[in-house]
Protein backbone atom coordinates (compact mmCIF):
# COMPACT_ATOMS: atom_id res chain seq x y z
CA MET A 1 87.79 99.59 100.89
CA ASP A 2 87.27 103.01 102.51
CA ARG A 3 87.85 106.29 100.96
CA ARG A 4 91.26 106.88 102.11
CA GLN A 5 92.38 102.77 101.07
CA GLN A 6 91.14 103.69 97.87
CA LYS A 7 93.18 106.90 97.41
CA THR A 8 96.48 105.15 98.37
CA ARG A 9 95.64 102.72 96.27
CA ASN A 10 95.29 105.48 92.93
CA ALA A 11 98.31 107.35 94.19
CA ILE A 12 100.06 103.37 94.12
CA PHE A 13 98.94 103.16 90.53
CA GLN A 14 99.59 106.71 89.12
CA ALA A 15 103.37 106.64 90.80
CA PHE A 16 103.31 102.92 89.00
CA THR A 17 102.07 104.29 85.66
CA ALA A 18 104.42 106.77 85.67
CA LEU A 19 107.15 104.92 86.28
CA LEU A 20 105.91 102.46 83.43
CA SER A 21 105.81 105.36 81.03
CA GLU A 22 109.45 105.97 81.24
CA LYS A 23 111.43 102.52 81.84
CA HIS A 24 110.42 98.71 82.13
CA TYR A 25 108.82 96.74 84.09
CA ASN A 26 112.34 94.91 85.68
CA GLN A 27 113.61 97.65 86.05
CA ILE A 28 111.22 99.14 88.56
CA SER A 29 112.02 98.50 92.25
CA VAL A 30 109.34 98.77 94.88
CA GLN A 31 110.89 101.49 96.25
CA GLU A 32 110.93 103.89 93.47
CA ILE A 33 107.03 102.66 93.58
CA ILE A 34 106.82 103.99 97.31
CA ASP A 35 108.93 106.77 96.90
CA GLN A 36 106.82 108.65 93.99
CA ALA A 37 103.41 106.94 95.99
CA ASN A 38 104.91 109.60 98.29
CA ILE A 39 103.78 106.54 100.85
CA GLY A 40 105.20 104.00 103.63
CA ARG A 41 106.69 100.50 102.60
CA THR A 42 103.97 98.99 105.21
CA THR A 43 101.48 100.97 102.90
CA PHE A 44 102.05 99.74 99.93
CA TYR A 45 102.77 95.85 101.51
CA ALA A 46 99.04 96.17 102.97
CA HIS A 47 97.87 97.11 99.40
CA PHE A 48 100.57 94.32 97.30
CA GLU A 49 101.86 91.65 97.88
CA THR A 50 104.18 92.04 95.28
CA LYS A 51 104.80 93.82 92.59
CA ASP A 52 103.94 91.71 90.54
CA TYR A 53 100.25 91.82 92.16
CA LEU A 54 99.97 95.04 91.55
CA LEU A 55 100.60 94.83 88.27
CA LYS A 56 97.85 92.70 88.04
CA ASP A 57 95.40 94.63 90.24
CA LEU A 58 96.06 97.47 87.56
CA CYS A 59 95.77 95.60 84.49
CA GLU A 60 92.42 94.32 86.07
CA GLU A 61 91.50 97.56 87.11
CA LEU A 62 92.05 99.01 83.54
CA PHE A 63 90.54 96.38 81.50
CA GLY A 64 87.86 95.40 83.27
CA HIS A 65 86.32 98.61 83.35
CA ILE A 66 86.38 98.76 79.36
CA ILE A 67 85.42 94.64 79.09
CA ASP A 68 82.74 95.12 81.96
CA THR A 69 81.03 98.53 80.27
CA ALA A 70 80.85 96.67 77.18
CA MET A 71 79.05 93.28 78.59
CA GLY A 72 77.34 95.24 80.43
CA LEU A 73 75.37 97.49 77.99
CA PRO A 74 71.90 96.46 77.51
CA HIS A 75 70.92 93.49 75.25
CA GLY A 76 71.32 93.94 72.02
CA HIS A 77 72.52 97.50 71.67
CA TYR A 78 75.98 95.99 70.73
CA HIS A 79 77.15 93.58 68.48
CA ASN A 80 75.53 90.01 68.69
CA SER A 81 75.18 89.26 65.27
CA CYS A 82 77.26 89.93 61.75
CA GLY A 83 77.09 92.96 59.63
CA MET A 84 75.99 95.71 61.96
CA GLU A 85 79.22 97.40 61.72
CA THR A 86 77.58 100.78 63.79
CA ASN A 87 76.72 98.30 66.71
CA SER A 88 79.89 96.42 66.97
CA VAL A 89 81.41 95.90 70.90
CA PHE A 90 84.79 96.36 69.21
CA LEU A 91 83.79 99.94 68.41
CA HIS A 92 82.98 100.20 71.72
CA LEU A 93 86.10 99.16 72.65
CA LEU A 94 88.13 101.68 70.17
CA ARG A 95 86.27 104.52 71.36
CA HIS A 96 86.81 104.03 74.94
CA LEU A 97 90.39 103.50 73.75
CA GLN A 98 90.70 106.52 71.56
CA GLU A 99 89.27 108.21 75.00
CA ASN A 100 92.72 106.72 76.32
CA ASP A 101 90.52 106.82 79.67
CA LYS A 102 93.10 106.12 82.50
CA ASN A 103 96.20 107.09 80.21
CA ILE A 104 95.60 103.58 78.95
CA LEU A 105 97.30 104.13 75.40
CA GLU A 106 100.29 105.52 76.90
CA LEU A 107 100.79 101.97 78.77
CA LEU A 108 99.78 99.97 75.29
CA SER A 109 102.40 101.83 73.32
CA SER A 110 105.12 101.81 76.26
CA GLN A 111 107.87 99.92 76.43
CA ASN A 112 106.17 97.39 78.67
CA ASN A 113 103.11 97.07 76.37
CA GLU A 114 103.39 93.40 75.64
CA ILE A 115 102.86 93.21 79.30
CA PHE A 116 99.53 94.71 78.97
CA LEU A 117 98.58 93.57 75.65
CA ARG A 118 98.78 89.91 76.90
CA TYR A 119 96.04 91.23 80.10
CA PHE A 120 93.90 93.25 77.73
CA LYS A 121 93.56 89.96 75.48
CA SER A 122 93.20 87.66 78.99
CA ASN A 123 89.92 89.94 79.01
CA LEU A 124 88.91 90.15 76.07
CA LYS A 125 87.83 86.55 75.58
CA LYS A 126 85.53 86.56 78.99
CA LEU A 127 83.95 89.42 76.42
CA ILE A 128 83.98 87.36 72.91
CA LEU A 129 82.77 84.60 75.32
CA ARG A 130 79.78 86.57 76.08
CA GLN A 131 78.84 87.86 72.69
CA TYR A 132 79.90 85.07 70.21
CA ALA A 133 80.21 81.69 71.74
CA ASP A 134 77.24 82.29 74.01
CA SER A 135 75.15 83.21 70.81
CA GLY A 136 76.04 80.49 69.43
CA MET A 137 78.28 82.80 66.64
CA LEU A 138 81.35 80.29 66.91
CA LYS A 139 80.50 77.11 65.74
CA ASN A 140 82.15 76.91 62.45
CA ALA A 141 83.51 73.90 60.43
CA GLY A 142 84.15 72.04 63.73
CA LEU A 143 86.90 74.33 64.80
CA PRO A 144 86.94 74.10 68.76
CA GLU A 145 85.33 77.07 70.34
CA ASP A 146 88.17 77.63 72.45
CA TYR A 147 90.93 78.36 69.35
CA LEU A 148 88.21 80.58 67.73
CA ILE A 149 88.14 82.98 71.36
CA ASN A 150 91.75 82.95 70.74
CA HIS A 151 92.16 83.76 67.43
CA ILE A 152 89.44 86.49 67.88
CA SER A 153 91.02 88.07 70.72
CA SER A 154 94.52 87.59 69.40
CA SER A 155 93.55 89.70 66.49
CA PHE A 156 91.85 92.26 68.03
CA VAL A 157 94.92 92.74 70.28
CA GLU A 158 96.80 93.04 67.04
CA THR A 159 94.58 95.39 65.48
CA VAL A 160 95.29 98.14 68.51
CA ASP A 161 98.82 97.32 68.67
CA TRP A 162 98.48 97.53 64.44
CA TRP A 163 96.07 100.82 65.69
CA LEU A 164 99.05 102.27 67.89
CA ALA A 165 101.72 101.90 65.98
CA GLN A 166 99.84 103.85 63.08
CA LYS A 167 99.84 106.97 65.57
CA MET A 168 95.80 106.17 65.55
CA GLN A 169 95.27 107.65 62.06
CA GLN A 170 92.11 105.93 61.46
CA THR A 171 88.76 106.56 63.60
CA PRO A 172 87.71 103.70 65.71
CA GLU A 173 85.17 102.93 63.07
CA GLU A 174 87.18 102.37 60.16
CA MET A 175 89.55 99.79 62.35
CA ASN A 176 85.95 98.49 63.22
CA ALA A 177 85.18 97.53 59.83
CA TYR A 178 88.60 96.16 59.03
CA PHE A 179 88.88 94.11 62.21
CA LEU A 180 85.38 92.97 61.25
CA ALA A 181 86.24 92.10 57.81
CA VAL A 182 88.61 89.76 58.82
CA ILE A 183 86.74 88.22 61.53
CA GLU A 184 82.59 87.60 60.20
CA PRO A 185 84.03 84.54 57.63
CA ILE A 186 84.11 82.85 60.32
CA LEU A 187 81.44 83.66 62.44
CA HIS A 188 78.42 81.40 62.02
CA CYS A 189 75.91 83.86 61.21
């Protein structure tokens, strides 16, 4: 993608994000996105087939960035074993969220949060698979691995949702400690 296309795509993302902070996803029309981004209809459809594809791409960019950064960390730098709270991959994610990269917190705490939390959970599953399942840490009492991955990702999403509802009064380190206290009993250490 050339710079001009990337600039247009970013303008569409920014327009869409601004509208999402004001109203529910279902109330936003493609025309409103086009007007906010100051582009033509043809340009919008050259980048996105539908508003749903725009949402999917926005979420992949937002959460993909955070998850890819966490997955790309040097092996052993982040949590691959129990009892290492200060090196948790989840702490890394919480710090990213606290930094509010690309206004992700506004989206997660907006009236559209269920959409974004669902995409966040979907991306988290990949990270949990790599960080925990691939290292054999999810071999617990005969429970299915996919069940445990779903449980951990759901718990983390709910942890983030609770943290946002608390207006992030706790530090990422405190939230990480809370979360690890809940999931470590199910991990095979």
